[in-house]
Protein backbone atom coordinates (compact mmCIF):
# COMPACT_ATOMS: atom_id res chain seq x y z
CA MET A 1 -95.77 -66.44 58.74
CA HIS A 2 -98.03 -64.37 56.19
CA ASN A 3 -97.11 -66.21 53.21
CA ALA A 4 -94.72 -69.12 52.02
CA THR A 5 -93.46 -71.08 48.80
CA PHE A 6 -92.36 -74.91 49.17
CA LEU A 7 -89.15 -75.85 48.04
CA ASN A 8 -89.87 -79.63 47.92
CA ASP A 9 -91.56 -81.98 50.31
CA ASN A 10 -89.31 -80.89 53.47
CA LYS A 11 -88.61 -77.37 53.08
CA PHE A 12 -90.16 -73.65 52.20
CA VAL A 13 -89.19 -70.38 52.36
CA ALA A 14 -91.78 -67.89 54.15
CA VAL A 15 -91.79 -64.10 54.57
CA TYR A 16 -93.21 -62.56 58.06
CA HIS A 17 -94.36 -58.91 58.00
CA ILE A 18 -93.50 -56.78 61.60
CA SER A 19 -95.59 -54.14 61.26
CA THR A 20 -94.55 -52.44 64.60
CA LYS A 21 -91.10 -53.05 64.09
CA HIS A 22 -91.41 -52.18 59.85
CA ARG A 23 -89.48 -55.00 59.17
CA PHE A 24 -89.95 -58.08 56.75
CA GLU A 25 -88.49 -60.90 57.76
CA TYR A 26 -87.66 -64.06 55.38
CA TRP A 27 -87.54 -67.69 57.10
CA GLU A 28 -86.30 -70.50 55.53
CA VAL A 29 -88.16 -74.14 57.41
CA THR A 30 -87.19 -77.64 56.87
CA ARG A 31 -88.67 -80.24 58.36
CA HIS A 32 -86.86 -83.25 60.29
CA GLY A 33 -88.96 -86.38 61.17
CA ASP A 34 -92.47 -84.77 62.25
CA SER A 35 -91.00 -81.85 63.56
CA TRP A 36 -90.29 -78.08 61.50
CA GLN A 37 -87.20 -76.32 62.34
CA PRO A 38 -87.37 -72.11 61.29
CA VAL A 39 -84.06 -70.39 60.59
CA GLU A 40 -84.36 -66.81 59.66
CA ILE A 41 -82.21 -66.12 56.37
CA GLY A 42 -82.66 -62.40 56.18
CA ALA A 43 -84.17 -59.17 56.91
CA THR A 44 -85.68 -55.97 54.93
CA LYS A 45 -86.06 -52.95 57.01
CA GLY A 46 -88.92 -50.95 56.59
CA GLU A 47 -92.28 -51.04 54.01
CA PHE A 48 -92.96 -52.13 50.95
CA MET A 49 -95.65 -50.37 50.67
CA ARG A 50 -97.10 -47.30 52.18
CA ASN A 51 -100.66 -48.68 52.50
CA ASN A 52 -99.85 -51.82 54.95
CA SER A 53 -100.80 -53.88 51.43
CA GLN A 54 -100.62 -57.48 52.41
CA VAL A 55 -98.22 -59.75 50.60
CA GLN A 56 -100.56 -61.17 48.15
CA GLY A 57 -97.24 -63.52 46.56
CA ILE A 58 -94.18 -65.22 47.31
CA ALA A 59 -91.89 -67.08 45.09
CA TYR A 60 -88.28 -68.15 45.18
CA ASP A 61 -85.89 -68.59 42.17
CA LYS A 62 -83.44 -71.72 43.73
CA LYS A 63 -80.78 -71.22 41.39
CA ARG A 64 -80.51 -67.41 41.85
CA ALA A 65 -81.55 -67.68 45.41
CA HIS A 66 -84.25 -64.73 45.18
CA ILE A 67 -86.82 -64.08 46.70
CA TYR A 68 -89.95 -62.42 44.91
CA LEU A 69 -92.56 -60.55 46.86
CA ALA A 70 -96.14 -59.44 45.04
CA PHE A 71 -98.21 -56.55 46.36
CA ASN A 72 -101.43 -55.88 44.66
CA ASP A 73 -99.69 -55.30 41.27
CA TYR A 74 -96.07 -54.30 43.06
CA LEU A 75 -93.51 -56.59 42.23
CA PHE A 76 -90.06 -57.12 44.26
CA LYS A 77 -87.53 -58.69 44.12
CA VAL A 78 -84.77 -59.25 47.17
CA ASN A 79 -81.89 -61.17 47.81
CA ARG A 80 -81.08 -64.33 50.81
CA ASP A 81 -80.54 -61.01 52.96
CA GLY A 82 -83.12 -59.34 52.35
CA MET A 83 -81.17 -56.79 50.07
CA VAL A 84 -83.82 -55.15 47.31
CA LEU A 85 -82.86 -56.03 44.06
CA ALA A 86 -85.48 -54.65 41.69
CA ASN A 87 -88.79 -53.82 41.74
CA GLY A 88 -91.38 -52.54 39.16
CA ARG A 89 -95.02 -52.01 38.58
CA PHE A 90 -97.70 -53.98 36.33
CA HIS A 91 -100.68 -51.62 34.92
CA THR A 92 -103.05 -54.95 34.37
CA GLY A 93 -105.71 -53.36 36.68
CA CYS A 94 -106.05 -56.69 38.53
CA GLU A 95 -104.14 -57.93 41.54
CA PHE A 96 -101.61 -60.75 41.78
CA GLU A 97 -103.36 -64.11 42.48
CA GLY A 98 -99.74 -66.03 42.96
CA ILE A 99 -96.34 -66.46 41.73
CA CYS A 100 -93.74 -68.69 41.17
CA VAL A 101 -90.38 -69.78 39.31
CA ASN A 102 -90.07 -72.22 36.75
CA ASN A 103 -86.62 -72.64 35.13
CA SER A 104 -85.70 -69.48 36.79
CA HIS A 105 -88.93 -67.78 34.64
CA LEU A 106 -91.17 -65.57 36.87
CA LEU A 107 -94.58 -66.81 36.52
CA ILE A 108 -97.60 -64.47 37.38
CA ASN A 109 -101.30 -65.38 38.04
CA CYS A 110 -103.44 -62.46 37.57
CA ARG A 111 -106.75 -61.85 39.53
CA ARG A 112 -108.97 -61.48 36.26
CA LYS A 113 -108.99 -62.49 32.72
CA HIS A 114 -105.57 -61.37 32.16
CA GLY A 115 -104.19 -64.37 32.70
CA ILE A 116 -100.63 -65.47 32.99
CA LEU A 117 -97.95 -62.47 32.82
CA ILE A 118 -94.40 -63.74 32.16
CA PRO A 119 -92.07 -60.35 32.59
């Protein structure tokens, strides 16, 4: 798993990039007792970034079942199946450090002094 976001104490959603297959997979991993059970929930064929940038953040909107992926200063919204719903770029001059969803509002933490963005 390249990046993950916890939904609660027993479940998280993760993204896994298979660069040789040009594929991003989305996994829901649930804890049952002492073991974790992964289930692939979707995939996106292709590359989000041409320069093989690493995923710098993942967030999950429980209410809308959307996954957000951050790369440098680019942001992508995908559904659970892996279909890209929207994308955008923020010209902040700094990279994303982390992203999260709170009450269906996406929050972005930037690397430098700019602080938190609310798109």
